[in-house]
Each structure stands twice: as C-alpha cells, then as structure tokens.
Amino acid sequence: MSKIFYLLKNPLFWLCLIVLVAFIVRLYKIDNPIADWHSWRQADTAAVARNFYKEGFNPLLPRGDDMSPPGTVQANPERYRFVEFPIYNSLVYFLYLLNGGVDEKLARLVSILMSLGSTVFIYFVTKKYLGVFTGLIASLLFAILPFNIYFSRTTLPEPTLVFFSLGMLYFTDRWIWENRLSLFILAVSFTSLAFLIKPMAGFYLLPLIYSYYLKEQKLWPIPKRYIAWVVTSFVPFVAWRFWMLQHPEGIPASAWLMNGDGIRFRPAFWKWIVGDRFGREILTVAGSILFTIGVLVKPKLEEGKLLHLLVFSSLLYLIVFATGNVTHDYYQTFIVPALVIFTARGFTILLKGSGSFIPRLFTIPLALLLLFLTIYLGWLEVKGLYQINNGAIVEAGKMADQILPRNAVVLAPYMGDTAFLYQVNRPGWPIMVLPIEEMKKKYGVTAYVSVNYDTDTKNLMEKYSVLEENPKFVIIDVSRPK
C-alpha cells in the first residue's frame, strides 16, 4: 500500500500517464488519407518524404510533387521544395525505410512522437516557474486540447517545430544558469534544429534574453560563452538560407504572411484571432477565461516573469505574421504551449482561491467547469477537421496510381491544391496554367486526372484517349490523341 501511495505522489507517474493519454487520443483516425483539413500543406510536406524514399535521399535538395511556381517564377520543373529544412521529412523517410514502403500512418506517427516530447517539455518548463501541479495541468491541457490533438497528428512541420523550440527554451535556460557542457550541446542542438525548421522559433528567444539578463545582471558586454552559443546555433540556419538562394524557383513567396492584405490591427484581425481562433477553435470562451486570469494575475516573486515574456512573444508572433495567422489556423500551433501554460495557471489560481476572489466554495467548481468546457466545446468545433474534404480525389488518385506509368507527368487540376496531385503519386501540376498542348511541350505532361467534368475536361475527353471514366472522376492519356 505504501508503494502505491508513493507512486501516486510521484509527479513523474502522472506525467507518464498524461503522455500515455496523449498518445492514445492522437491515434484517432491516424489512418486518414492526406485529404483532411489543410491537406494541401500536409501533402506538400509528405511528398518530400515520399520522394526521398522513391528517388533517393538528399536533404539538401528536397523535392515535392508540384511543378507549378511556388513564388513569382514561371515554373519549378525540378519540383524543389525549399521551405523548412527537411528534418521532419527525413525522420519520416527513415521510418519508410524500416517499413519497406510508404505509409502515411508512419508520417503521422512522427508528428505524434514530437508532440509527446513537447508534452514533457511543457511540464518541466512550467514546473520550474509555476510549480509541479500547474506543470501537470499545462501538460495535460497540451495533451488533450482538441485543436492541438488534431494538428499534432498531421504531416505538417509544426509539431516538430514546437518540439525543438520548447527544447531550445528548456535546455538553453538551464545552460544559462548551470553552465554545463552537456547542456550547452543540447541547447545548441535544439536551437539550430528549431531555426532550421522555421525562423519563427526566434519568438522563443525573448524569455531566454530575459534569463540571460537575470543571470549576468547586464546586457553588455556579452560573455564569450553566449557568443559561442549564438555562433554555433545559427551558422546552420544561415548556411541553409544561403543555399536555398541557388534555387529561387523552389522558394515559396512568404512576405505576404506578415501583413500582405493589410489586416493587421483592423477589426477583422481581432475578430479572427480573438473571437474565432481563441474563443471558438483553440481555447473556446471557457478556456479563454482561464487564460486571461492566468495572464493578468500578477506573478509571485518565485514565479518570475520569464513565462509572461513567453506569452508576450507568442502574442507578438500573431501580430507580426498577421495575415498568415488569420489565413491559416495551423499557424497557431506554435503558440499553443504559451496558451496551455497560462490556462493552467488560471485554473490553479481559481482552485487555490484569492482574497480578491469569491470564496473557494465557488471558484473550485467554476475552475473545473471551465476546464471541462474548454475540452468539450473545443471538440465540438474541431471534430469536423478530421473529415475527408473530397473523397473523390482519393479514389481517383488510387486508380491513377495503378494505371499510369511510373514516369507519367500528371495534370491534376484542383484549384492549385496539391492534395489531389499527392494522391495520384506522380509529379505534375495542380492547375492548368497553359493550353494542354503547351503544357505537353514545355513540361512533358502526359496524363490528365480530374474530379470535375468542366469544359476543359470535356474538351480533352473528345481529343484524347480516356483510360478511366466514371461519375466521380476521369483519367485521360493526353499523349494519345484519338
């Protein structure tokens, strides 16, 4: 009995239980084809891993399936995909090697494992400043928040970015105070990998600058050990960015993500970010109340201000990348750690009560109710994201993969969305940018697959050999005129 009591008192037991729950809930619809919410971005990322397996592993020249221009150049015939350094894609490729074939469940599994690692980091980061109980609640929220569950099992790079960014925060903060070589190596490794994935990791630096200031009691001059950390951490990122410039045709336009449509600070910005994303999809109104309490209640002396700077820098990220965050809800996965940490703090504050609050007799059930509603209402909003947007593209893709030659170049028009092209499992175009004869001549297009019987499709059916036709889709061999 004493051993059981000791086990129940051990916070690591509860952390392991939370990680187990996190793993189980992320298995929900893990066998979904890459055709659910944000499938276009998932397909672009998954295609790089698949092509590593099919065409050979070269992380310096990642290739997707899409030959259309990602930016302003005319075309991308080599299908270069220079966005994030392909760390996630490489891990997926290695699992494909072990598996002996491509299986998207393994690609989702890599994201899940990264998310489990983030769950652990959130506990240790929160525990250091807010205590064990709040750390466990924060990690629990990260584990079961419906918005986070969905995006933690996608084939997006964001779960990997969050994992390495949290590792950067945790290990660098420890290294600043403990100054051990092992921590330096871990801090440099996680920092360099986080920035190689996406430079958005820079928003996690503000709390570290504050930690550095507390330790050194000055900002300038900078001690040599910090200069060594900066140089070793950021040289890989700079080298990668210079390398990318050799292939501008593979670099998507990104300046628009900041304020491309001028939405920053306009009423629509607050409506989408605060009303829709915070109040509906991510935290819901209930969780937003807990989050607001957690942020606004003044931190105690032992809590410090580091985590408040994390939430500040996370909100700053929303403002800097205003258009990107309004356009794409998956961009907010980067700030989920800050959201769950302060939602957990708000929950803990209500549980413990305060002289300025109503009695705990009321605040405790209120805290429990708000926590329950955060999860329940969030699930009602998020469950639709798991749905397959258009099952016809999956069926058409399977058939095209079976009957088209391996060296086929496919035109799979889907309004520029590469999710359809990914299902076809061939390189090509997700949009018709030129007449078919010109696309055949310039880019070697040999097949046309469509799930719409529009005018273009009907005209091609009259001119070229139809390989497969049914009410849902048509596959045309445009290399064989009738």
Protein backbone atom coordinates (compact mmCIF):
# COMPACT_ATOMS: atom_id res chain seq x y z
CA MET A 1 0.00 0.00 0.00
CA SER A 2 2.83 2.39 0.86
CA LYS A 3 4.39 1.77 -2.57
CA ILE A 4 1.12 2.63 -4.28
CA PHE A 5 0.80 5.78 -2.17
CA TYR A 6 4.39 6.74 -3.03
CA LEU A 7 3.70 6.15 -6.73
CA LEU A 8 0.59 8.33 -6.65
CA LYS A 9 2.59 11.12 -5.01
CA ASN A 10 5.27 10.97 -7.68
CA PRO A 11 4.59 13.67 -10.34
CA LEU A 12 6.53 11.67 -12.93
CA PHE A 13 3.92 8.92 -12.63
CA TRP A 14 1.21 11.41 -13.54
CA LEU A 15 3.34 12.83 -16.34
CA CYS A 16 3.77 9.35 -17.82
CA LEU A 17 0.03 8.83 -17.55
CA ILE A 18 -0.58 12.13 -19.35
CA VAL A 19 1.84 11.15 -22.12
CA LEU A 20 0.06 7.81 -22.49
CA VAL A 21 -3.31 9.55 -22.78
CA ALA A 22 -1.82 11.99 -25.28
CA PHE A 23 -0.59 9.11 -27.42
CA ILE A 24 -3.92 7.26 -27.34
CA VAL A 25 -6.07 10.24 -28.32
CA ARG A 26 -3.72 11.08 -31.21
CA LEU A 27 -4.31 7.67 -32.75
CA TYR A 28 -7.83 8.78 -33.65
CA LYS A 29 -8.17 8.46 -37.45
CA ILE A 30 -4.42 8.06 -37.85
CA ASP A 31 -5.21 6.04 -40.98
CA ASN A 32 -6.88 9.03 -42.65
CA PRO A 33 -5.59 9.69 -46.15
CA ILE A 34 -3.90 13.05 -46.52
CA ALA A 35 -7.12 14.69 -47.62
CA ASP A 36 -8.43 16.16 -44.36
CA TRP A 37 -8.15 19.76 -43.11
CA HIS A 38 -5.16 21.66 -44.52
CA SER A 39 -4.40 18.69 -46.75
CA TRP A 40 -2.69 20.95 -49.31
CA ARG A 41 0.10 21.83 -46.85
CA GLN A 42 0.22 18.32 -45.43
CA ALA A 43 0.57 16.93 -48.95
CA ASP A 44 3.47 19.24 -49.79
CA THR A 45 5.36 18.10 -46.69
CA ALA A 46 4.51 14.41 -47.06
CA ALA A 47 5.51 14.45 -50.74
CA VAL A 48 9.09 15.39 -49.83
CA ALA A 49 9.41 12.38 -47.50
CA ARG A 50 7.84 10.09 -50.10
CA ASN A 51 10.18 11.33 -52.80
CA PHE A 52 13.17 10.78 -50.51
CA TYR A 53 12.09 7.15 -50.48
CA LYS A 54 11.23 6.89 -54.19
CA GLU A 55 14.00 8.99 -55.74
CA GLY A 56 16.86 8.92 -53.24
CA PHE A 57 17.65 10.72 -50.01
CA ASN A 58 19.15 14.20 -50.42
CA PRO A 59 18.06 16.64 -47.71
CA LEU A 60 19.89 19.47 -49.46
CA LEU A 61 17.62 19.14 -52.50
CA PRO A 62 14.14 18.33 -51.17
CA ARG A 63 11.59 17.68 -53.91
CA GLY A 64 7.82 17.61 -53.76
CA ASP A 65 5.38 16.60 -56.49
CA ASP A 66 4.39 20.09 -57.62
CA MET A 67 5.98 21.60 -60.75
CA SER A 68 3.97 24.82 -60.57
CA PRO A 69 5.63 28.05 -59.42
CA PRO A 70 5.59 28.49 -55.62
CA GLY A 71 6.54 32.16 -55.91
CA THR A 72 6.87 34.54 -58.82
CA VAL A 73 8.98 32.47 -61.21
CA GLN A 74 7.29 30.72 -64.09
CA ALA A 75 7.71 27.06 -63.17
CA ASN A 76 9.53 24.62 -60.92
CA PRO A 77 10.23 21.64 -63.20
CA GLU A 78 12.67 20.07 -60.72
CA ARG A 79 9.96 20.25 -58.02
CA TYR A 80 12.28 21.82 -55.45
CA ARG A 81 10.66 22.43 -52.08
CA PHE A 82 12.76 24.94 -50.15
CA VAL A 83 10.69 25.86 -47.13
CA GLU A 84 11.81 24.30 -43.85
CA PHE A 85 14.98 22.22 -43.74
CA PRO A 86 13.58 18.67 -44.13
CA ILE A 87 14.16 17.39 -40.60
CA TYR A 88 10.63 16.06 -40.19
CA ASN A 89 10.63 14.67 -43.73
CA SER A 90 13.94 12.90 -43.09
CA LEU A 91 12.62 11.22 -39.95
CA VAL A 92 9.58 10.03 -41.90
CA TYR A 93 11.86 8.75 -44.67
CA PHE A 94 13.86 6.66 -42.19
CA LEU A 95 10.62 5.07 -40.94
CA TYR A 96 9.64 4.34 -44.53
CA LEU A 97 12.99 2.60 -44.96
CA LEU A 98 12.41 0.47 -41.87
CA ASN A 99 8.87 -0.26 -43.02
CA GLY A 100 9.94 -1.16 -46.53
CA GLY A 101 7.41 1.19 -48.10
CA VAL A 102 5.48 4.44 -47.85
CA ASP A 103 2.77 4.51 -45.20
CA GLU A 104 1.24 7.85 -44.19
CA LYS A 105 0.40 6.46 -40.75
CA LEU A 106 4.14 6.49 -40.06
CA ALA A 107 4.35 10.12 -41.18
CA ARG A 108 1.59 10.98 -38.72
CA LEU A 109 3.34 8.92 -36.04
CA VAL A 110 6.46 11.09 -36.27
CA SER A 111 4.36 14.18 -35.56
CA ILE A 112 2.68 12.38 -32.66
CA LEU A 113 6.02 11.46 -31.11
CA MET A 114 7.19 15.06 -31.44
CA SER A 115 4.02 16.19 -29.71
CA LEU A 116 4.60 13.74 -26.85
CA GLY A 117 8.08 15.18 -26.42
CA SER A 118 6.57 18.67 -26.31
CA THR A 119 4.16 17.49 -23.60
CA VAL A 120 7.14 16.51 -21.46
CA PHE A 121 8.98 19.78 -22.11
CA ILE A 122 5.90 21.81 -21.15
CA TYR A 123 5.78 20.04 -17.81
CA PHE A 124 9.42 20.75 -16.98
CA VAL A 125 9.36 24.35 -18.22
CA THR A 126 6.17 25.13 -16.30
CA LYS A 127 7.24 23.23 -13.19
CA LYS A 128 10.40 25.33 -12.86
CA TYR A 129 8.49 28.60 -12.63
CA LEU A 130 4.91 27.78 -11.64
CA GLY A 131 5.23 24.57 -9.66
CA VAL A 132 4.55 20.86 -10.12
CA PHE A 133 0.75 20.98 -10.10
CA THR A 134 0.48 23.74 -12.70
CA GLY A 135 3.10 21.93 -14.78
CA LEU A 136 0.98 18.78 -14.78
CA ILE A 137 -2.18 20.69 -15.69
CA ALA A 138 -0.35 22.51 -18.51
CA SER A 139 0.97 19.24 -19.93
CA LEU A 140 -2.50 17.67 -19.56
CA LEU A 141 -4.06 20.55 -21.49
CA PHE A 142 -1.44 20.23 -24.21
CA ALA A 143 -2.20 16.51 -24.34
CA ILE A 144 -6.00 16.71 -24.62
CA LEU A 145 -6.74 20.13 -26.14
CA PRO A 146 -8.78 19.11 -29.22
CA PHE A 147 -7.19 21.72 -31.51
CA ASN A 148 -3.74 20.51 -30.53
CA ILE A 149 -4.67 16.83 -30.85
CA TYR A 150 -5.71 17.30 -34.46
CA PHE A 151 -2.65 19.25 -35.58
CA SER A 152 -0.30 17.01 -33.58
CA ARG A 153 -1.10 14.08 -35.88
CA THR A 154 -0.90 15.88 -39.21
CA THR A 155 2.00 15.71 -41.65
CA LEU A 156 2.82 19.38 -41.06
CA PRO A 157 6.24 20.57 -39.82
CA GLU A 158 4.65 22.47 -36.91
CA PRO A 159 4.69 19.66 -34.29
CA THR A 160 8.41 19.22 -34.95
CA LEU A 161 8.95 22.99 -34.75
CA VAL A 162 7.15 23.18 -31.40
CA PHE A 163 9.19 20.26 -30.02
CA PHE A 164 12.56 21.76 -30.90
CA SER A 165 11.51 25.28 -29.88
CA LEU A 166 10.46 24.06 -26.44
CA GLY A 167 13.69 22.07 -26.20
CA MET A 168 15.60 25.23 -27.08
CA LEU A 169 13.78 27.13 -24.33
CA TYR A 170 14.26 24.43 -21.71
CA PHE A 171 17.88 23.47 -22.33
CA THR A 172 19.16 26.97 -23.06
CA ASP A 173 17.53 28.34 -19.92
CA ARG A 174 19.13 25.57 -17.87
CA TRP A 175 22.51 26.09 -19.54
CA ILE A 176 22.42 29.82 -18.77
CA TRP A 177 22.14 29.06 -15.06
CA GLU A 178 24.09 25.81 -14.75
CA ASN A 179 26.78 26.34 -17.44
CA ARG A 180 27.42 22.64 -18.12
CA LEU A 181 28.91 21.34 -21.37
CA SER A 182 26.19 18.71 -21.82
CA LEU A 183 23.51 21.39 -21.53
CA PHE A 184 25.41 23.62 -23.96
CA ILE A 185 25.43 20.83 -26.56
CA LEU A 186 21.72 20.19 -26.07
CA ALA A 187 20.91 23.91 -26.16
CA VAL A 188 22.85 24.42 -29.40
CA SER A 189 21.36 21.30 -31.00
CA PHE A 190 17.75 22.18 -30.24
CA THR A 191 18.24 25.84 -31.18
CA SER A 192 19.87 25.11 -34.53
CA LEU A 193 17.24 22.49 -35.42
CA ALA A 194 14.37 24.77 -34.40
CA PHE A 195 15.62 27.59 -36.62
CA LEU A 196 16.36 25.23 -39.50
CA ILE A 197 12.71 24.20 -39.43
CA LYS A 198 11.28 27.72 -39.24
CA PRO A 199 12.77 31.06 -38.15
CA MET A 200 9.55 31.66 -36.17
CA ALA A 201 11.47 29.91 -33.39
CA GLY A 202 13.01 33.34 -32.82
CA PHE A 203 9.92 34.35 -30.87
CA TYR A 204 11.03 31.95 -28.13
CA LEU A 205 14.26 33.93 -27.70
CA LEU A 206 12.78 36.82 -25.70
CA PRO A 207 12.37 34.74 -22.49
CA LEU A 208 15.95 33.49 -22.94
CA ILE A 209 17.28 37.04 -23.25
CA TYR A 210 15.49 37.82 -20.00
CA SER A 211 17.00 34.74 -18.36
CA TYR A 212 20.45 35.80 -19.58
CA TYR A 213 19.91 39.27 -18.11
CA LEU A 214 18.87 37.86 -14.73
CA LYS A 215 21.94 35.64 -14.65
CA GLU A 216 24.51 38.20 -15.80
CA GLN A 217 22.81 41.33 -14.44
CA LYS A 218 23.76 43.17 -17.62
CA LEU A 219 23.14 43.09 -21.36
CA TRP A 220 26.57 44.29 -22.49
CA PRO A 221 29.35 43.28 -22.92
CA ILE A 222 28.27 39.75 -23.83
CA PRO A 223 30.38 36.99 -22.22
CA LYS A 224 32.20 34.71 -24.65
CA ARG A 225 30.16 31.62 -23.82
CA TYR A 226 26.99 33.29 -25.10
CA ILE A 227 28.75 34.36 -28.28
CA ALA A 228 29.78 30.72 -28.75
CA TRP A 229 26.14 29.68 -28.30
CA VAL A 230 24.93 32.20 -30.88
CA VAL A 231 27.55 31.29 -33.48
CA THR A 232 27.19 27.52 -33.20
CA SER A 233 23.40 27.71 -33.04
CA PHE A 234 22.82 29.97 -36.02
CA VAL A 235 25.54 29.05 -38.53
CA PRO A 236 23.49 26.07 -39.85
CA PHE A 237 20.43 28.31 -40.32
CA VAL A 238 22.40 30.99 -42.19
CA ALA A 239 24.11 28.36 -44.35
CA TRP A 240 20.77 26.79 -45.24
CA ARG A 241 19.25 30.13 -46.19
CA PHE A 242 22.17 30.98 -48.47
CA TRP A 243 21.99 27.51 -50.03
CA MET A 244 18.29 27.98 -50.79
CA LEU A 245 19.03 31.10 -52.83
CA GLN A 246 20.60 28.93 -55.53
CA HIS A 247 17.13 27.62 -56.39
CA PRO A 248 14.69 30.54 -56.21
CA GLU A 249 12.15 28.55 -58.21
CA GLY A 250 11.68 26.31 -55.17
CA ILE A 251 11.18 29.08 -52.60
CA PRO A 252 7.53 29.99 -51.96
CA ALA A 253 6.56 33.62 -51.57
CA SER A 254 6.37 34.45 -47.86
CA ALA A 255 6.37 38.23 -47.41
CA TRP A 256 2.56 38.21 -47.63
CA LEU A 257 2.38 36.25 -44.37
CA MET A 258 3.20 39.36 -42.35
CA ASN A 259 0.59 41.85 -43.50
CA GLY A 260 0.02 41.09 -47.15
CA ASP A 261 -3.65 42.07 -47.12
CA GLY A 262 -3.30 44.91 -44.59
CA ILE A 263 -5.43 43.13 -41.99
CA ARG A 264 -3.15 43.78 -39.00
CA PHE A 265 -4.99 45.63 -36.19
CA ARG A 266 -8.10 46.01 -38.31
CA PRO A 267 -11.42 44.86 -36.77
CA ALA A 268 -11.32 41.68 -38.85
CA PHE A 269 -7.94 40.77 -37.35
CA TRP A 270 -9.30 40.82 -33.80
CA LYS A 271 -12.46 39.03 -34.91
CA TRP A 272 -10.50 36.15 -36.43
CA ILE A 273 -7.73 35.82 -33.84
CA VAL A 274 -9.55 36.61 -30.59
CA GLY A 275 -13.14 35.75 -31.46
CA ASP A 276 -12.72 32.82 -33.83
CA ARG A 277 -9.38 31.15 -33.05
CA PHE A 278 -9.11 31.79 -29.29
CA GLY A 279 -12.83 31.97 -28.47
CA ARG A 280 -14.04 29.17 -30.73
CA GLU A 281 -11.42 26.81 -32.12
CA ILE A 282 -8.44 26.67 -29.75
CA LEU A 283 -9.36 27.63 -26.17
CA THR A 284 -13.09 28.30 -26.58
CA VAL A 285 -14.70 31.00 -24.44
CA ALA A 286 -14.27 28.86 -21.31
CA GLY A 287 -10.55 28.34 -21.81
CA SER A 288 -10.07 31.98 -22.78
CA ILE A 289 -11.43 32.98 -19.35
CA LEU A 290 -8.88 30.75 -17.61
CA PHE A 291 -6.13 32.01 -19.91
CA THR A 292 -6.98 35.65 -19.19
CA ILE A 293 -6.91 35.04 -15.44
CA GLY A 294 -3.56 33.29 -15.79
CA VAL A 295 -2.05 36.16 -17.72
CA LEU A 296 -3.46 39.09 -15.76
CA VAL A 297 -2.87 37.91 -12.19
CA LYS A 298 0.49 39.35 -11.16
CA PRO A 299 3.21 36.68 -10.88
CA LYS A 300 4.62 35.93 -7.46
CA LEU A 301 8.28 36.63 -6.78
CA GLU A 302 9.24 32.96 -7.08
CA GLU A 303 7.37 32.62 -10.40
CA GLY A 304 9.35 35.32 -12.13
CA LYS A 305 8.45 36.93 -15.43
CA LEU A 306 10.02 34.51 -17.91
CA LEU A 307 6.79 32.72 -18.81
CA HIS A 308 4.93 36.01 -19.09
CA LEU A 309 7.53 37.01 -21.66
CA LEU A 310 6.84 33.74 -23.46
CA VAL A 311 3.15 34.57 -23.75
CA PHE A 312 4.01 38.14 -24.77
CA SER A 313 6.32 36.94 -27.54
CA SER A 314 3.67 34.43 -28.64
CA LEU A 315 1.10 37.19 -28.96
CA LEU A 316 3.71 39.29 -30.76
CA TYR A 317 4.06 36.42 -33.24
CA LEU A 318 0.34 36.71 -34.02
CA ILE A 319 0.77 40.40 -34.75
CA VAL A 320 3.95 40.15 -36.84
CA PHE A 321 2.58 37.33 -39.01
CA ALA A 322 -0.91 38.82 -39.03
CA THR A 323 -2.04 37.67 -42.46
CA GLY A 324 -0.55 34.20 -42.06
CA ASN A 325 -2.28 33.67 -38.73
CA VAL A 326 -5.64 34.88 -39.99
CA THR A 327 -5.39 32.80 -43.17
CA HIS A 328 -4.11 29.55 -41.64
CA ASP A 329 -5.28 28.25 -38.28
CA TYR A 330 -2.39 25.76 -38.12
CA TYR A 331 -0.04 28.72 -37.65
CA GLN A 332 -1.38 28.99 -34.09
CA THR A 333 0.00 25.57 -33.14
CA PHE A 334 3.25 27.43 -32.46
CA ILE A 335 1.69 29.39 -29.58
CA VAL A 336 -0.27 26.52 -28.02
CA PRO A 337 2.47 25.97 -25.36
CA ALA A 338 2.04 29.52 -24.06
CA LEU A 339 -1.75 29.22 -24.20
CA VAL A 340 -1.91 25.99 -22.20
CA ILE A 341 0.66 27.18 -19.64
CA PHE A 342 -1.38 30.25 -18.75
CA THR A 343 -4.71 28.47 -18.99
CA ALA A 344 -3.28 26.03 -16.45
CA ARG A 345 -2.13 28.94 -14.29
CA GLY A 346 -5.61 30.45 -14.39
CA PHE A 347 -7.09 27.08 -13.41
CA THR A 348 -4.66 26.75 -10.49
CA ILE A 349 -5.39 30.29 -9.29
CA LEU A 350 -9.12 29.56 -9.16
CA LEU A 351 -8.50 26.28 -7.32
CA LYS A 352 -6.33 27.93 -4.68
CA GLY A 353 -8.54 30.97 -4.38
CA SER A 354 -7.59 34.52 -3.54
CA GLY A 355 -8.63 37.20 -1.11
CA SER A 356 -9.88 39.26 -4.05
CA PHE A 357 -11.99 36.36 -5.41
CA ILE A 358 -15.29 34.94 -4.26
CA PRO A 359 -14.93 32.00 -1.80
CA ARG A 360 -13.24 28.79 -2.97
CA LEU A 361 -16.55 27.04 -2.49
CA PHE A 362 -17.47 28.69 -5.80
CA THR A 363 -14.11 29.13 -7.56
CA ILE A 364 -13.19 25.42 -7.38
CA PRO A 365 -16.31 24.13 -9.19
CA LEU A 366 -16.04 27.10 -11.57
CA ALA A 367 -12.45 26.13 -12.43
CA LEU A 368 -13.45 22.51 -13.02
CA LEU A 369 -16.44 23.54 -15.14
CA LEU A 370 -14.35 25.89 -17.29
CA LEU A 371 -11.70 23.21 -17.80
CA PHE A 372 -14.33 20.67 -18.85
CA LEU A 373 -15.99 23.14 -21.22
CA THR A 374 -12.62 24.00 -22.77
CA ILE A 375 -12.21 20.40 -23.88
CA TYR A 376 -15.86 19.64 -24.67
CA LEU A 377 -16.61 22.79 -26.66
CA GLY A 378 -13.25 22.54 -28.38
CA TRP A 379 -14.04 19.02 -29.54
CA LEU A 380 -17.38 20.15 -30.98
CA GLU A 381 -15.52 22.70 -33.10
CA VAL A 382 -12.54 20.58 -34.12
CA LYS A 383 -14.10 17.20 -34.89
CA GLY A 384 -15.05 18.36 -38.38
CA LEU A 385 -11.38 18.84 -39.27
CA TYR A 386 -10.92 15.06 -39.42
CA GLN A 387 -13.40 14.71 -42.26
CA ILE A 388 -12.13 13.95 -45.76
CA ASN A 389 -12.79 17.08 -47.79
CA ASN A 390 -13.38 15.28 -51.09
CA GLY A 391 -13.23 11.50 -51.16
CA ALA A 392 -13.22 11.52 -54.97
CA ILE A 393 -9.61 12.73 -55.10
CA VAL A 394 -8.53 9.72 -53.03
CA GLU A 395 -10.38 7.28 -55.29
CA ALA A 396 -9.12 8.96 -58.45
CA GLY A 397 -5.59 9.03 -57.09
CA LYS A 398 -5.60 5.31 -56.30
CA MET A 399 -6.84 4.43 -59.77
CA ALA A 400 -4.38 6.77 -61.49
CA ASP A 401 -1.52 5.32 -59.45
CA GLN A 402 -2.50 1.85 -60.65
CA ILE A 403 -2.86 2.53 -64.37
CA LEU A 404 -0.46 5.37 -65.17
CA PRO A 405 3.22 4.72 -65.98
CA ARG A 406 5.71 5.49 -63.21
CA ASN A 407 7.30 8.20 -65.34
CA ALA A 408 4.00 9.95 -66.09
CA VAL A 409 3.73 13.70 -65.58
CA VAL A 410 0.20 14.49 -64.47
CA LEU A 411 -2.05 17.49 -64.68
CA ALA A 412 -4.49 17.11 -61.76
CA PRO A 413 -6.42 20.39 -61.63
CA TYR A 414 -7.74 21.14 -58.15
CA MET A 415 -7.58 24.95 -57.97
CA GLY A 416 -3.86 24.80 -57.24
CA ASP A 417 -4.35 22.45 -54.25
CA THR A 418 -1.64 19.77 -54.30
CA ALA A 419 -3.63 17.30 -52.17
CA PHE A 420 -5.08 15.75 -55.35
CA LEU A 421 -1.67 15.54 -57.03
CA TYR A 422 -0.29 13.80 -53.93
CA GLN A 423 -2.98 11.11 -54.16
CA VAL A 424 -2.05 10.47 -57.80
CA ASN A 425 1.53 9.77 -56.66
CA ARG A 426 3.11 11.36 -59.72
CA PRO A 427 4.87 14.67 -60.33
CA GLY A 428 2.96 17.33 -62.18
CA TRP A 429 0.67 20.30 -61.89
CA PRO A 430 -2.34 21.05 -59.64
CA ILE A 431 -3.62 23.74 -62.01
CA MET A 432 -3.82 24.29 -65.76
CA VAL A 433 -1.78 27.42 -66.45
CA LEU A 434 -1.47 26.99 -70.22
CA PRO A 435 -3.32 25.18 -73.01
CA ILE A 436 -2.69 21.45 -72.78
CA GLU A 437 -0.56 21.37 -75.94
CA GLU A 438 1.83 23.93 -74.47
CA MET A 439 1.99 22.10 -71.14
CA LYS A 440 2.81 18.89 -73.00
CA LYS A 441 5.54 20.61 -74.97
CA LYS A 442 7.10 22.69 -72.17
CA TYR A 443 6.68 20.41 -69.16
CA GLY A 444 6.14 16.93 -70.55
CA VAL A 445 2.58 16.46 -69.26
CA THR A 446 1.33 13.01 -70.30
CA ALA A 447 -1.87 12.49 -68.30
CA TYR A 448 -4.87 14.43 -67.07
CA VAL A 449 -6.86 13.41 -63.99
CA SER A 450 -9.95 15.32 -62.95
CA VAL A 451 -12.80 15.03 -60.45
CA ASN A 452 -14.78 17.72 -62.28
CA TYR A 453 -16.42 17.36 -65.68
CA ASP A 454 -15.89 21.01 -66.57
CA THR A 455 -15.38 22.47 -70.03
CA ASP A 456 -11.63 21.80 -70.08
CA THR A 457 -12.16 18.18 -69.07
CA LYS A 458 -14.86 17.56 -71.67
CA ASN A 459 -12.74 19.08 -74.43
CA LEU A 460 -9.81 16.84 -73.52
CA MET A 461 -12.07 13.77 -73.41
CA GLU A 462 -13.06 14.49 -77.01
CA LYS A 463 -9.46 14.86 -78.22
CA TYR A 464 -7.52 12.23 -76.24
CA SER A 465 -7.76 8.62 -75.14
CA VAL A 466 -9.79 8.12 -71.96
CA LEU A 467 -8.26 5.49 -69.68
CA GLU A 468 -10.92 5.53 -66.96
CA GLU A 469 -14.26 7.27 -66.74
CA ASN A 470 -16.96 7.14 -64.07
CA PRO A 471 -19.30 9.64 -62.39
CA LYS A 472 -16.64 10.63 -59.85
CA PHE A 473 -13.52 11.13 -61.97
CA VAL A 474 -11.85 10.71 -65.33
CA ILE A 475 -8.28 9.77 -66.31
CA ILE A 476 -7.07 10.82 -69.75
CA ASP A 477 -3.88 9.90 -71.59
CA VAL A 478 -3.03 13.21 -73.30
CA SER A 479 -0.07 11.60 -75.08
CA ARG A 480 -2.51 9.57 -77.24
CA PRO A 481 -4.82 11.62 -79.45
CA LYS A 482 -7.98 9.93 -80.66
